[in-house]
N, C-alpha and C. Protein backbone atom coordinates (compact mmCIF):
# COMPACT_ATOMS: atom_id res chain seq x y z
N MET A 1 15.72 4.21 4.99
CA MET A 1 15.65 5.18 4.09
C MET A 1 16.63 5.09 3.04
N ILE A 2 16.41 5.45 1.66
CA ILE A 2 17.53 5.72 0.66
C ILE A 2 18.05 7.14 0.81
N LEU A 3 19.34 7.02 1.01
CA LEU A 3 20.18 8.30 1.04
C LEU A 3 20.91 8.57 -0.21
N LEU A 4 20.79 9.84 -0.86
CA LEU A 4 21.62 10.21 -2.10
C LEU A 4 22.84 11.11 -1.63
N GLN A 5 23.86 10.79 -2.19
CA GLN A 5 25.34 11.56 -2.07
C GLN A 5 25.31 12.99 -2.95
N LEU A 6 25.08 14.02 -2.39
CA LEU A 6 24.97 15.22 -3.04
C LEU A 6 26.23 16.13 -3.11
N LYS A 7 26.61 16.62 -4.05
CA LYS A 7 27.44 17.86 -3.96
C LYS A 7 27.08 19.13 -3.38
N ALA A 8 28.06 19.68 -2.77
CA ALA A 8 27.44 21.13 -1.94
C ALA A 8 26.79 22.05 -2.84
N ILE A 9 27.21 22.01 -4.03
CA ILE A 9 26.56 22.95 -5.05
C ILE A 9 25.54 22.36 -5.88
N CYS A 10 25.16 21.25 -5.36
CA CYS A 10 23.85 20.47 -6.19
C CYS A 10 22.76 21.15 -6.04
N MET A 11 21.87 21.29 -7.14
CA MET A 11 20.60 21.74 -6.93
C MET A 11 19.53 20.47 -7.26
N LEU A 12 18.61 20.44 -6.40
CA LEU A 12 17.69 19.52 -6.51
C LEU A 12 16.29 20.08 -6.19
N LEU A 13 15.45 19.86 -7.38
CA LEU A 13 14.06 20.55 -7.20
C LEU A 13 13.16 19.41 -7.59
N LEU A 14 11.72 19.60 -7.00
CA LEU A 14 10.60 19.03 -7.19
C LEU A 14 9.63 19.72 -7.93
N LEU A 15 8.84 19.17 -8.86
CA LEU A 15 7.63 19.77 -9.57
C LEU A 15 6.44 18.79 -9.50
N ASN A 16 5.45 19.38 -9.55
CA ASN A 16 4.13 18.94 -9.56
C ASN A 16 3.74 19.03 -11.17
N LYS A 17 3.92 18.09 -11.93
CA LYS A 17 3.84 18.54 -13.30
C LYS A 17 2.24 18.42 -13.50
N PRO A 18 1.92 19.40 -14.33
CA PRO A 18 0.30 19.08 -14.69
C PRO A 18 -0.02 18.38 -16.09
N PHE A 19 -0.88 17.77 -16.32
CA PHE A 19 -1.38 16.88 -17.32
C PHE A 19 -1.08 18.13 -18.70
N GLY A 20 -0.54 17.26 -19.89
CA GLY A 20 -0.24 18.32 -21.09
C GLY A 20 1.02 18.90 -21.11
N VAL A 21 2.03 18.79 -20.02
CA VAL A 21 3.22 19.32 -20.23
C VAL A 21 4.26 18.48 -20.55
N ILE A 22 5.09 18.82 -21.62
CA ILE A 22 6.05 17.77 -22.10
C ILE A 22 7.43 17.92 -21.22
N CYS A 23 7.91 16.93 -20.59
CA CYS A 23 9.05 16.73 -19.72
C CYS A 23 10.30 17.30 -20.44
N GLN A 24 10.37 18.34 -20.94
CA GLN A 24 11.66 19.03 -21.44
C GLN A 24 11.60 20.43 -21.40
N PHE A 25 12.71 21.34 -21.46
CA PHE A 25 12.64 22.62 -21.26
C PHE A 25 12.87 23.30 -22.83
N SER A 26 13.37 22.54 -23.81
CA SER A 26 13.34 23.27 -25.19
C SER A 26 11.98 23.45 -25.69
N PRO A 27 11.50 24.41 -26.46
CA PRO A 27 10.30 24.59 -26.91
C PRO A 27 9.63 23.53 -27.74
N HIS A 28 8.36 23.44 -27.66
CA HIS A 28 7.48 22.60 -28.49
C HIS A 28 6.48 23.13 -29.13
N GLU A 29 6.15 22.89 -30.25
CA GLU A 29 4.92 23.34 -31.15
C GLU A 29 3.76 23.09 -30.39
N LYS A 30 3.41 22.06 -29.87
CA LYS A 30 2.22 21.64 -29.38
C LYS A 30 1.93 21.90 -28.02
N HIS A 31 2.89 21.58 -27.13
CA HIS A 31 2.78 21.70 -25.67
C HIS A 31 3.59 22.49 -24.97
N PRO A 32 2.91 23.00 -23.65
CA PRO A 32 3.89 23.57 -22.83
C PRO A 32 5.00 22.82 -22.19
N THR A 33 6.03 23.31 -21.78
CA THR A 33 7.13 22.50 -21.52
C THR A 33 7.34 22.97 -19.89
N LEU A 34 8.60 22.22 -19.38
CA LEU A 34 8.91 22.43 -18.02
C LEU A 34 9.32 23.99 -17.62
N ALA A 35 9.74 24.56 -18.92
CA ALA A 35 10.19 26.05 -18.83
C ALA A 35 8.98 26.94 -18.48
N ASN A 36 7.69 26.58 -18.73
CA ASN A 36 6.73 27.33 -18.25
C ASN A 36 6.33 27.25 -16.72
N HIS A 37 7.06 26.21 -16.26
CA HIS A 37 6.72 26.16 -14.66
C HIS A 37 8.19 26.34 -13.72
N VAL A 38 9.08 26.10 -14.39
CA VAL A 38 10.40 25.96 -13.65
C VAL A 38 11.61 26.97 -14.08
N ASP A 39 11.63 28.14 -13.55
CA ASP A 39 12.52 29.41 -13.92
C ASP A 39 13.95 29.18 -13.27
N VAL A 40 14.58 27.97 -13.47
CA VAL A 40 15.86 27.73 -12.82
C VAL A 40 16.99 27.12 -14.09
N PRO A 41 18.10 27.91 -14.43
CA PRO A 41 18.83 27.29 -15.30
C PRO A 41 19.50 26.17 -15.05
N ALA A 42 19.94 25.23 -16.16
CA ALA A 42 20.86 24.42 -16.06
C ALA A 42 20.44 23.19 -15.15
N VAL A 43 19.16 22.88 -14.80
CA VAL A 43 18.52 21.78 -14.30
C VAL A 43 17.74 20.82 -15.39
N TYR A 44 17.69 19.64 -15.14
CA TYR A 44 17.12 18.85 -16.16
C TYR A 44 16.51 17.59 -15.22
N PRO A 45 15.51 16.98 -15.80
CA PRO A 45 14.61 15.92 -15.11
C PRO A 45 15.37 14.69 -15.04
N ALA A 46 15.50 14.12 -13.79
CA ALA A 46 15.89 12.73 -13.41
C ALA A 46 14.88 11.72 -13.67
N GLY A 47 14.71 11.46 -14.92
CA GLY A 47 13.66 10.41 -15.35
C GLY A 47 12.45 11.36 -15.75
N ARG A 48 12.01 10.79 -17.13
CA ARG A 48 10.93 11.64 -17.71
C ARG A 48 9.41 11.02 -16.94
N LEU A 49 8.65 11.98 -17.33
CA LEU A 49 6.94 11.54 -17.11
C LEU A 49 6.40 12.03 -18.38
N ASP A 50 5.63 11.19 -18.88
CA ASP A 50 4.68 11.34 -20.13
C ASP A 50 4.22 12.67 -20.06
N THR A 51 3.94 12.87 -21.06
CA THR A 51 2.90 14.39 -21.33
C THR A 51 1.58 14.13 -20.81
N ASP A 52 1.06 13.13 -20.96
CA ASP A 52 -0.44 12.81 -20.67
C ASP A 52 -0.44 12.44 -19.07
N SER A 53 0.79 12.17 -18.35
CA SER A 53 0.65 11.73 -17.09
C SER A 53 1.04 13.02 -16.15
N GLU A 54 0.84 13.23 -14.82
CA GLU A 54 0.84 13.99 -13.90
C GLU A 54 1.61 13.86 -12.76
N GLY A 55 2.03 14.69 -11.98
CA GLY A 55 2.76 14.58 -10.73
C GLY A 55 4.28 14.83 -10.72
N LEU A 56 4.82 14.07 -9.86
CA LEU A 56 6.35 14.26 -9.27
C LEU A 56 7.16 14.19 -10.48
N VAL A 57 7.97 15.24 -10.86
CA VAL A 57 9.29 15.06 -11.32
C VAL A 57 10.27 15.61 -10.57
N VAL A 58 11.51 15.19 -10.50
CA VAL A 58 12.73 15.34 -9.75
C VAL A 58 13.72 15.94 -10.87
N LEU A 59 14.09 17.29 -10.50
CA LEU A 59 15.03 17.70 -11.47
C LEU A 59 16.39 18.15 -10.85
N THR A 60 17.54 18.15 -11.35
CA THR A 60 18.74 18.42 -11.01
C THR A 60 19.85 19.04 -11.93
N ASP A 61 20.67 19.75 -11.44
CA ASP A 61 21.89 19.91 -12.25
C ASP A 61 23.10 19.11 -12.18
N ASP A 62 23.01 18.05 -11.43
CA ASP A 62 24.03 17.05 -11.22
C ASP A 62 24.00 15.57 -12.05
N GLY A 63 24.79 15.61 -13.05
CA GLY A 63 24.54 14.43 -13.88
C GLY A 63 24.74 13.05 -12.99
N GLN A 64 25.53 12.81 -11.91
CA GLN A 64 25.59 11.76 -11.20
C GLN A 64 24.37 11.48 -10.42
N LEU A 65 23.92 12.42 -9.76
CA LEU A 65 22.39 12.20 -9.01
C LEU A 65 21.53 11.95 -10.03
N GLN A 66 21.40 12.65 -11.05
CA GLN A 66 20.44 12.34 -12.02
C GLN A 66 20.50 10.83 -12.32
N HIS A 67 21.69 10.19 -12.60
CA HIS A 67 21.64 8.78 -12.90
C HIS A 67 21.29 8.05 -11.89
N GLN A 68 21.81 8.32 -10.44
CA GLN A 68 21.26 7.69 -9.29
C GLN A 68 19.75 7.62 -9.12
N ILE A 69 19.17 8.72 -9.53
CA ILE A 69 17.59 8.74 -9.25
C ILE A 69 16.91 8.07 -10.32
N ALA A 70 17.33 8.06 -11.81
CA ALA A 70 16.46 7.71 -13.02
C ALA A 70 17.02 6.24 -13.30
N HIS A 71 18.24 6.02 -13.22
CA HIS A 71 18.47 4.60 -14.00
C HIS A 71 18.10 3.48 -13.24
N PRO A 72 17.30 2.41 -13.94
CA PRO A 72 16.83 1.42 -13.14
C PRO A 72 17.67 0.52 -12.31
N LEU A 73 19.10 0.74 -12.63
CA LEU A 73 20.03 -0.13 -12.04
C LEU A 73 19.88 0.12 -10.45
N HIS A 74 19.56 1.27 -10.09
CA HIS A 74 19.51 1.63 -8.78
C HIS A 74 18.27 1.30 -8.10
N LYS A 75 17.35 1.09 -8.76
CA LYS A 75 16.00 0.31 -8.23
C LYS A 75 15.26 1.31 -7.50
N LYS A 76 15.28 2.66 -7.88
CA LYS A 76 14.50 3.65 -6.83
C LYS A 76 12.92 3.38 -7.09
N PRO A 77 12.28 3.19 -5.81
CA PRO A 77 10.79 3.02 -6.13
C PRO A 77 10.06 4.20 -6.63
N LYS A 78 9.16 3.85 -7.61
CA LYS A 78 8.32 4.90 -8.01
C LYS A 78 7.03 4.62 -7.89
N ILE A 79 6.22 5.52 -7.24
CA ILE A 79 4.74 5.14 -6.89
C ILE A 79 3.81 5.93 -7.81
N TYR A 80 2.99 5.16 -8.24
CA TYR A 80 1.82 6.07 -9.12
C TYR A 80 0.36 5.68 -8.48
N CYS A 81 -0.34 6.67 -8.69
CA CYS A 81 -1.93 6.41 -8.50
C CYS A 81 -2.64 6.40 -9.74
N VAL A 82 -3.14 5.35 -10.16
CA VAL A 82 -3.55 5.03 -11.55
C VAL A 82 -5.21 4.87 -11.62
N GLN A 83 -5.83 5.59 -12.20
CA GLN A 83 -7.30 5.41 -12.50
C GLN A 83 -7.35 4.82 -13.63
N VAL A 84 -8.10 3.33 -13.66
CA VAL A 84 -8.25 2.54 -14.65
C VAL A 84 -9.73 2.37 -14.81
N GLU A 85 -9.83 1.79 -16.34
CA GLU A 85 -11.29 1.62 -16.58
C GLU A 85 -11.66 0.10 -16.64
N GLY A 86 -12.62 -0.37 -15.75
CA GLY A 86 -13.06 -1.64 -15.49
C GLY A 86 -12.83 -2.14 -14.09
N GLU A 87 -13.23 -3.13 -13.77
CA GLU A 87 -13.03 -3.76 -12.71
C GLU A 87 -11.81 -4.79 -12.20
N PRO A 88 -10.95 -4.21 -11.29
CA PRO A 88 -9.49 -4.72 -11.17
C PRO A 88 -9.69 -6.02 -10.07
N SER A 89 -10.04 -7.35 -10.55
CA SER A 89 -10.03 -8.14 -9.59
C SER A 89 -8.95 -8.76 -8.86
N GLU A 90 -8.92 -9.27 -7.96
CA GLU A 90 -7.62 -9.88 -7.20
C GLU A 90 -6.78 -10.54 -7.99
N ASP A 91 -7.54 -11.48 -8.77
CA ASP A 91 -6.56 -12.07 -9.85
C ASP A 91 -5.69 -11.19 -10.76
N VAL A 92 -6.35 -10.25 -11.23
CA VAL A 92 -5.69 -9.33 -12.20
C VAL A 92 -4.68 -8.65 -11.53
N CYS A 93 -4.89 -8.14 -10.10
CA CYS A 93 -3.89 -7.52 -9.44
C CYS A 93 -2.87 -8.43 -9.04
N ALA A 94 -3.05 -9.66 -8.75
CA ALA A 94 -1.89 -10.66 -8.58
C ALA A 94 -1.11 -10.83 -9.93
N GLN A 95 -1.85 -10.66 -11.16
CA GLN A 95 -0.99 -10.78 -12.52
C GLN A 95 -0.09 -9.64 -12.59
N LEU A 96 -0.54 -8.50 -12.29
CA LEU A 96 0.33 -7.37 -12.29
C LEU A 96 1.51 -7.53 -11.39
N ARG A 97 1.23 -7.83 -10.16
CA ARG A 97 2.28 -8.09 -9.21
C ARG A 97 3.40 -8.95 -9.76
N GLN A 98 2.93 -9.99 -10.08
CA GLN A 98 3.85 -11.17 -10.60
C GLN A 98 4.52 -10.70 -11.89
N GLY A 99 3.98 -9.95 -12.76
CA GLY A 99 4.55 -9.52 -14.00
C GLY A 99 3.75 -9.83 -15.22
N VAL A 100 3.93 -9.08 -16.09
CA VAL A 100 2.97 -9.26 -17.35
C VAL A 100 3.91 -9.16 -18.50
N LEU A 101 3.67 -9.98 -19.64
CA LEU A 101 4.22 -9.88 -20.98
C LEU A 101 4.05 -8.74 -21.54
N LEU A 102 4.96 -7.81 -21.95
CA LEU A 102 4.86 -6.69 -22.68
C LEU A 102 5.76 -6.93 -24.16
N ASN A 103 5.68 -6.12 -24.87
CA ASN A 103 6.40 -6.35 -26.28
C ASN A 103 8.06 -6.43 -26.13
N ASP A 104 8.44 -5.79 -25.08
CA ASP A 104 9.83 -5.77 -24.74
C ASP A 104 10.16 -6.45 -23.43
N GLY A 105 9.26 -7.83 -23.26
CA GLY A 105 9.62 -8.52 -22.06
C GLY A 105 8.58 -8.66 -21.13
N MET A 106 9.02 -9.57 -19.96
CA MET A 106 8.31 -9.67 -18.85
C MET A 106 8.62 -8.33 -17.96
N THR A 107 7.59 -7.77 -17.15
CA THR A 107 7.75 -6.89 -16.18
C THR A 107 8.23 -7.53 -14.92
N ALA A 108 9.31 -6.66 -14.18
CA ALA A 108 9.34 -7.31 -12.85
C ALA A 108 8.50 -7.10 -11.78
N PRO A 109 8.38 -8.10 -10.86
CA PRO A 109 7.39 -7.97 -9.90
C PRO A 109 7.18 -6.63 -9.18
N CYS A 110 6.03 -6.31 -8.95
CA CYS A 110 5.90 -5.01 -8.46
C CYS A 110 4.90 -5.14 -7.29
N SER A 111 4.53 -3.62 -6.68
CA SER A 111 3.48 -3.58 -5.54
C SER A 111 2.30 -3.36 -6.45
N VAL A 112 1.12 -3.83 -6.07
CA VAL A 112 -0.06 -3.31 -6.91
C VAL A 112 -1.13 -3.47 -5.59
N GLU A 113 -1.99 -2.37 -5.17
CA GLU A 113 -3.00 -2.15 -4.52
C GLU A 113 -4.22 -1.46 -4.93
N LEU A 114 -5.36 -2.09 -4.60
CA LEU A 114 -6.62 -1.44 -4.96
C LEU A 114 -6.94 -0.34 -4.01
N ILE A 115 -7.07 0.98 -4.32
CA ILE A 115 -7.24 1.97 -3.30
C ILE A 115 -8.37 2.87 -3.63
N SER A 116 -8.89 3.69 -2.64
CA SER A 116 -10.01 4.46 -2.88
C SER A 116 -9.65 5.70 -3.55
N GLU A 117 -10.35 6.54 -4.34
CA GLU A 117 -10.06 7.64 -5.01
C GLU A 117 -9.19 8.62 -3.87
N PRO A 118 -7.96 9.06 -4.25
CA PRO A 118 -7.27 9.96 -3.37
C PRO A 118 -8.03 11.12 -2.86
N GLU A 119 -8.14 11.33 -1.75
CA GLU A 119 -8.79 12.72 -1.23
C GLU A 119 -8.08 14.24 -1.64
N TRP A 120 -6.96 13.68 -1.90
CA TRP A 120 -5.88 14.98 -2.52
C TRP A 120 -6.09 15.32 -3.58
N LEU A 121 -6.78 14.68 -4.57
CA LEU A 121 -6.94 14.71 -6.01
C LEU A 121 -7.41 15.80 -6.65
N TRP A 122 -6.73 16.44 -7.41
CA TRP A 122 -6.82 17.80 -7.90
C TRP A 122 -7.72 17.60 -9.20
N ALA A 123 -8.42 18.45 -9.81
CA ALA A 123 -9.26 18.32 -11.11
C ALA A 123 -8.23 18.47 -12.42
N ARG A 124 -8.18 17.38 -13.13
CA ARG A 124 -7.57 17.48 -14.43
C ARG A 124 -8.29 18.30 -15.41
N THR A 125 -7.41 19.01 -16.30
CA THR A 125 -7.85 19.88 -17.45
C THR A 125 -7.09 19.23 -18.76
N PRO A 126 -7.75 18.61 -19.58
CA PRO A 126 -9.26 18.42 -19.63
C PRO A 126 -9.31 17.12 -18.86
N PRO A 127 -10.77 16.94 -18.34
CA PRO A 127 -11.07 15.82 -17.69
C PRO A 127 -11.14 14.64 -18.32
N ILE A 128 -10.84 13.39 -17.77
CA ILE A 128 -10.82 12.09 -18.49
C ILE A 128 -12.12 11.79 -19.11
N ARG A 129 -12.18 10.91 -20.09
CA ARG A 129 -13.16 10.55 -20.77
C ARG A 129 -14.15 9.61 -19.93
N GLU A 130 -15.32 9.66 -19.64
CA GLU A 130 -16.10 8.69 -19.10
C GLU A 130 -17.32 8.07 -19.58
N ARG A 131 -17.28 6.88 -19.35
CA ARG A 131 -18.35 5.93 -20.01
C ARG A 131 -19.28 5.65 -18.97
N LYS A 132 -20.44 6.10 -18.83
CA LYS A 132 -21.35 5.74 -17.68
C LYS A 132 -21.55 4.21 -17.53
N ALA A 133 -21.44 3.50 -18.46
CA ALA A 133 -21.65 1.88 -18.31
C ALA A 133 -20.30 1.08 -17.84
N ILE A 134 -19.34 1.76 -17.79
CA ILE A 134 -18.11 1.08 -17.43
C ILE A 134 -17.60 1.85 -16.21
N PRO A 135 -17.65 1.27 -14.92
CA PRO A 135 -16.88 1.81 -13.90
C PRO A 135 -15.43 2.03 -13.79
N THR A 136 -14.95 2.77 -13.15
CA THR A 136 -13.52 3.19 -12.94
C THR A 136 -13.08 2.97 -11.57
N HIS A 137 -11.77 2.40 -11.34
CA HIS A 137 -11.35 2.17 -10.10
C HIS A 137 -9.70 2.76 -9.89
N TRP A 138 -9.37 2.93 -8.77
CA TRP A 138 -7.82 3.38 -8.65
C TRP A 138 -7.11 2.35 -7.97
N LEU A 139 -5.78 2.33 -8.67
CA LEU A 139 -4.76 1.59 -8.14
C LEU A 139 -3.51 2.18 -7.65
N GLN A 140 -2.70 1.62 -6.85
CA GLN A 140 -1.57 2.37 -6.31
C GLN A 140 -0.52 1.34 -6.86
N ILE A 141 0.48 1.72 -7.69
CA ILE A 141 1.41 0.87 -8.51
C ILE A 141 2.79 1.43 -8.02
N THR A 142 3.72 0.54 -7.53
CA THR A 142 5.07 0.81 -7.02
C THR A 142 5.88 0.07 -8.09
N LEU A 143 6.78 0.63 -9.02
CA LEU A 143 7.70 0.14 -9.70
C LEU A 143 9.02 0.21 -9.46
N THR A 144 10.13 -0.57 -9.73
CA THR A 144 11.42 -0.04 -9.54
C THR A 144 12.11 -0.29 -11.19
N GLU A 145 11.23 -0.56 -11.98
CA GLU A 145 11.83 -0.43 -13.57
C GLU A 145 11.55 1.19 -14.00
N GLY A 146 11.83 1.37 -15.23
CA GLY A 146 11.68 2.62 -15.99
C GLY A 146 11.28 2.51 -17.36
N ARG A 147 10.63 1.39 -17.68
CA ARG A 147 10.13 1.52 -19.35
C ARG A 147 9.54 2.39 -19.82
N ASN A 148 9.45 2.85 -21.11
CA ASN A 148 8.55 3.69 -21.59
C ASN A 148 7.06 3.30 -21.34
N ARG A 149 6.32 4.25 -20.92
CA ARG A 149 4.76 4.04 -20.74
C ARG A 149 4.55 2.95 -19.92
N GLN A 150 5.22 2.43 -19.05
CA GLN A 150 5.14 0.94 -18.57
C GLN A 150 3.69 0.75 -17.86
N VAL A 151 3.54 1.57 -16.91
CA VAL A 151 2.01 1.36 -16.20
C VAL A 151 0.87 1.41 -17.19
N ARG A 152 0.98 2.17 -18.06
CA ARG A 152 -0.18 2.23 -19.08
C ARG A 152 -0.10 0.92 -19.88
N ARG A 153 1.01 0.60 -20.25
CA ARG A 153 1.11 -0.86 -21.09
C ARG A 153 0.68 -2.08 -20.06
N MET A 154 0.99 -1.75 -18.97
CA MET A 154 0.77 -3.19 -17.97
C MET A 154 -0.86 -3.27 -17.68
N THR A 155 -1.25 -2.01 -17.44
CA THR A 155 -2.65 -2.20 -17.29
C THR A 155 -3.57 -2.69 -18.56
N ALA A 156 -3.02 -1.87 -19.57
CA ALA A 156 -3.67 -2.57 -20.77
C ALA A 156 -3.73 -3.91 -21.09
N ALA A 157 -2.47 -4.64 -20.63
CA ALA A 157 -2.16 -6.02 -20.94
C ALA A 157 -3.16 -7.03 -20.09
N VAL A 158 -3.61 -6.27 -18.87
CA VAL A 158 -4.79 -7.17 -18.36
C VAL A 158 -6.22 -6.49 -18.49
N GLY A 159 -6.36 -5.87 -19.47
CA GLY A 159 -7.66 -5.28 -19.85
C GLY A 159 -8.26 -4.33 -18.96
N LEU A 160 -7.31 -3.35 -18.37
CA LEU A 160 -7.67 -2.28 -17.65
C LEU A 160 -6.94 -1.12 -18.27
N PRO A 161 -7.59 -0.54 -19.07
CA PRO A 161 -7.06 0.84 -19.57
C PRO A 161 -6.78 1.85 -18.65
N THR A 162 -5.69 2.64 -18.90
CA THR A 162 -5.49 3.59 -17.83
C THR A 162 -6.13 4.96 -18.33
N LEU A 163 -6.81 5.48 -17.48
CA LEU A 163 -7.48 6.84 -17.75
C LEU A 163 -6.82 8.07 -17.30
N ARG A 164 -6.10 7.82 -16.26
CA ARG A 164 -5.30 8.92 -15.36
C ARG A 164 -4.02 8.36 -14.68
N LEU A 165 -3.14 8.94 -14.71
CA LEU A 165 -1.75 8.38 -14.22
C LEU A 165 -1.17 9.57 -13.39
N ILE A 166 -0.89 9.48 -12.01
CA ILE A 166 -0.19 10.48 -11.28
C ILE A 166 0.94 9.76 -10.53
N ARG A 167 2.19 10.23 -10.94
CA ARG A 167 3.38 9.92 -9.91
C ARG A 167 3.34 10.73 -8.71
N THR A 168 3.36 9.87 -7.59
CA THR A 168 3.25 10.77 -6.22
C THR A 168 4.95 10.65 -5.60
N GLN A 169 5.65 9.58 -5.86
CA GLN A 169 6.83 9.47 -5.37
C GLN A 169 7.91 8.99 -6.13
N VAL A 170 9.19 9.30 -6.06
CA VAL A 170 10.33 8.89 -6.64
C VAL A 170 11.55 8.74 -5.65
N GLY A 171 11.83 7.57 -5.27
CA GLY A 171 12.98 7.27 -4.18
C GLY A 171 12.44 7.95 -2.89
N ASP A 172 13.30 8.72 -2.23
CA ASP A 172 12.83 9.24 -0.88
C ASP A 172 11.92 10.58 -1.28
N TYR A 173 11.79 11.04 -2.38
CA TYR A 173 10.84 12.24 -2.66
C TYR A 173 9.62 12.09 -2.96
N SER A 174 8.74 12.92 -2.33
CA SER A 174 7.26 12.68 -2.74
C SER A 174 6.53 14.12 -3.04
N LEU A 175 5.48 14.00 -3.59
CA LEU A 175 4.59 15.32 -3.53
C LEU A 175 4.27 15.95 -2.20
N TRP A 176 4.66 15.38 -1.04
CA TRP A 176 4.55 15.79 0.14
C TRP A 176 5.75 16.24 0.77
N SER A 177 6.85 16.46 0.10
CA SER A 177 8.03 16.98 0.67
C SER A 177 8.18 18.59 0.65
N THR A 178 7.14 19.03 1.39
CA THR A 178 7.06 20.45 1.54
C THR A 178 7.38 20.75 3.04
N PRO A 179 7.41 21.90 3.41
CA PRO A 179 7.65 22.32 4.79
C PRO A 179 6.77 21.84 5.66
N SER A 180 5.45 22.05 5.44
CA SER A 180 4.32 21.46 6.24
C SER A 180 3.87 20.09 5.82
N GLN A 181 4.64 19.15 4.91
CA GLN A 181 4.41 17.99 4.57
C GLN A 181 2.82 17.96 3.99
N THR A 182 2.39 18.98 3.48
CA THR A 182 1.30 19.10 2.72
C THR A 182 1.37 18.96 1.09
N LEU A 183 0.67 18.66 0.33
CA LEU A 183 0.59 18.43 -1.07
C LEU A 183 1.44 19.63 -1.90
N LEU A 184 2.37 19.47 -2.64
CA LEU A 184 2.88 20.16 -3.34
C LEU A 184 1.92 20.81 -4.35
N GLU A 185 1.57 21.98 -4.71
CA GLU A 185 0.61 22.62 -5.42
C GLU A 185 0.99 22.30 -7.02
N LEU A 186 -0.25 21.95 -7.85
CA LEU A 186 -0.27 21.55 -9.04
C LEU A 186 0.68 22.62 -9.82
N GLY A 187 1.49 22.50 -10.60
CA GLY A 187 2.28 23.39 -11.33
C GLY A 187 3.24 24.25 -10.66
N HIS A 188 3.57 23.85 -9.22
CA HIS A 188 4.62 24.59 -8.60
C HIS A 188 5.60 23.62 -8.34
N TRP A 189 6.92 24.26 -7.94
CA TRP A 189 8.11 23.56 -7.75
C TRP A 189 8.69 23.99 -6.42
N LEU A 190 9.55 23.26 -5.83
CA LEU A 190 10.32 23.53 -4.58
C LEU A 190 11.64 23.23 -4.89
N TYR A 191 12.76 23.90 -4.10
CA TYR A 191 14.07 23.48 -3.98
C TYR A 191 14.36 22.86 -2.59
N ILE A 192 14.88 21.72 -2.56
CA ILE A 192 15.19 20.98 -1.41
C ILE A 192 16.85 20.64 -1.44
N ASP A 193 17.09 20.16 -0.14
CA ASP A 193 18.52 19.66 0.09
C ASP A 193 18.56 18.16 0.66
N ASP A 194 19.77 18.11 1.13
CA ASP A 194 19.79 16.48 1.46
C ASP A 194 19.63 16.26 2.87
N LYS A 195 19.02 17.27 3.62
CA LYS A 195 18.73 16.76 5.04
C LYS A 195 17.41 15.89 5.15
N PRO A 196 17.84 14.79 5.86
CA PRO A 196 16.60 13.78 5.98
C PRO A 196 15.45 14.42 6.95
N SER A 197 14.25 14.30 6.45
CA SER A 197 13.05 14.61 7.37
C SER A 197 12.67 13.41 8.33
N PRO A 198 11.79 13.87 9.38
CA PRO A 198 10.92 13.08 10.20
C PRO A 198 10.06 12.29 9.14
N GLN A 199 9.39 10.94 9.75
CA GLN A 199 8.55 10.50 9.01
C GLN A 199 7.20 11.20 8.86
N PRO A 200 6.50 11.26 7.56
CA PRO A 200 5.26 11.91 7.45
C PRO A 200 4.16 11.24 8.04
N PRO A 201 2.93 12.03 8.11
CA PRO A 201 1.81 11.26 8.75
C PRO A 201 1.56 9.91 8.23
N GLN A 202 1.13 8.99 9.17
CA GLN A 202 0.75 7.64 8.69
C GLN A 202 -0.07 7.48 7.50
N SER A 203 -0.91 8.42 7.10
CA SER A 203 -1.98 8.55 6.24
C SER A 203 -1.45 8.60 4.77
N GLN A 204 -0.16 9.33 4.85
CA GLN A 204 0.50 9.35 3.50
C GLN A 204 1.34 8.14 3.38
N GLN A 205 2.21 7.40 4.10
CA GLN A 205 2.94 6.29 4.05
C GLN A 205 3.94 6.72 3.03
N MET A 206 4.54 7.84 3.22
CA MET A 206 5.86 8.32 2.36
C MET A 206 6.80 8.53 3.07
N LYS A 207 8.11 8.25 2.43
CA LYS A 207 9.39 8.89 3.00
C LYS A 207 9.82 10.26 2.41
N VAL A 208 9.98 11.22 3.03
CA VAL A 208 10.21 12.45 2.41
C VAL A 208 11.48 13.10 3.07
N LYS A 209 11.73 14.21 2.39
CA LYS A 209 12.86 15.08 3.03
C LYS A 209 12.32 16.56 3.08
N TYR A 210 12.71 17.40 3.88
CA TYR A 210 12.47 18.68 4.06
C TYR A 210 13.07 19.62 2.91
N PRO A 211 12.32 20.50 2.44
CA PRO A 211 13.25 21.45 1.52
C PRO A 211 13.79 22.74 2.48
N ARG A 212 14.71 23.41 1.62
CA ARG A 212 15.12 24.30 2.11
C ARG A 212 14.52 25.61 1.79
N THR A 213 14.01 25.81 0.54
CA THR A 213 13.17 26.92 0.17
C THR A 213 11.98 26.27 -0.51
N PHE A 214 10.86 27.22 -0.57
CA PHE A 214 9.74 26.71 -1.31
C PHE A 214 9.20 27.80 -2.10
N SER A 215 9.39 27.91 -3.57
CA SER A 215 9.19 29.03 -4.32
C SER A 215 9.05 28.88 -5.70
N ASN A 216 8.24 29.53 -6.40
CA ASN A 216 8.18 29.43 -7.89
C ASN A 216 9.25 30.40 -8.55
N LYS A 217 9.81 31.06 -7.83
CA LYS A 217 10.84 32.19 -8.31
C LYS A 217 12.20 31.59 -8.36
N ARG A 218 13.27 32.30 -9.08
CA ARG A 218 14.46 31.63 -9.15
C ARG A 218 15.19 31.99 -7.89
N ARG A 219 16.01 30.82 -7.62
CA ARG A 219 16.64 30.65 -6.40
C ARG A 219 17.83 31.79 -6.53
N PRO A 220 17.99 32.58 -5.37
CA PRO A 220 19.05 33.72 -5.31
C PRO A 220 20.42 32.83 -5.47
N ARG A 221 21.22 33.54 -6.23
CA ARG A 221 22.64 33.14 -6.23
C ARG A 221 23.67 33.65 -5.07
């Protein structure tokens, strides 16, 4: 398990970001922001998540910790569930695993698995576009890089446009890092500390840490 060195006064939060929320606290003219969901001062995302993507965002008030989590140098794994349009053959999955050529260079080797539609999946607003003549499938992709819109560009490069992208894990932290190891509710956040947790249920195949509190309200000072 990857352990992070935390200051005693460090704040670390996890948010399940909805689709359409821009990954910043400052006001935006078109999109809701993190401030619509997280009422905690002086925390910032450790790595961004695109406005049209959903799922786990890690936030902290500690610059060093933010760097440890977000910078590609530290190779923290990031896991994504990706709904793609088309038929992902084994050859195509192998190509993604080995690396594909993008306009900013070859991608690093990564893990790619064909999976069933997640049982925990929530409804997206608005829903994805659907074309009845073209099937969709789900992939689980694990990256250690952090390029801009990398997953979407990778799947597009092999002829599989991404329709929906949900980040489920960053390093040791996942959407199941809750007191009961159940899914963190969409649009909600939790405050956690650096106490390592036991392994989660085998079906989740995640490494998690237990939170100290679980609330959508400001943490008491």
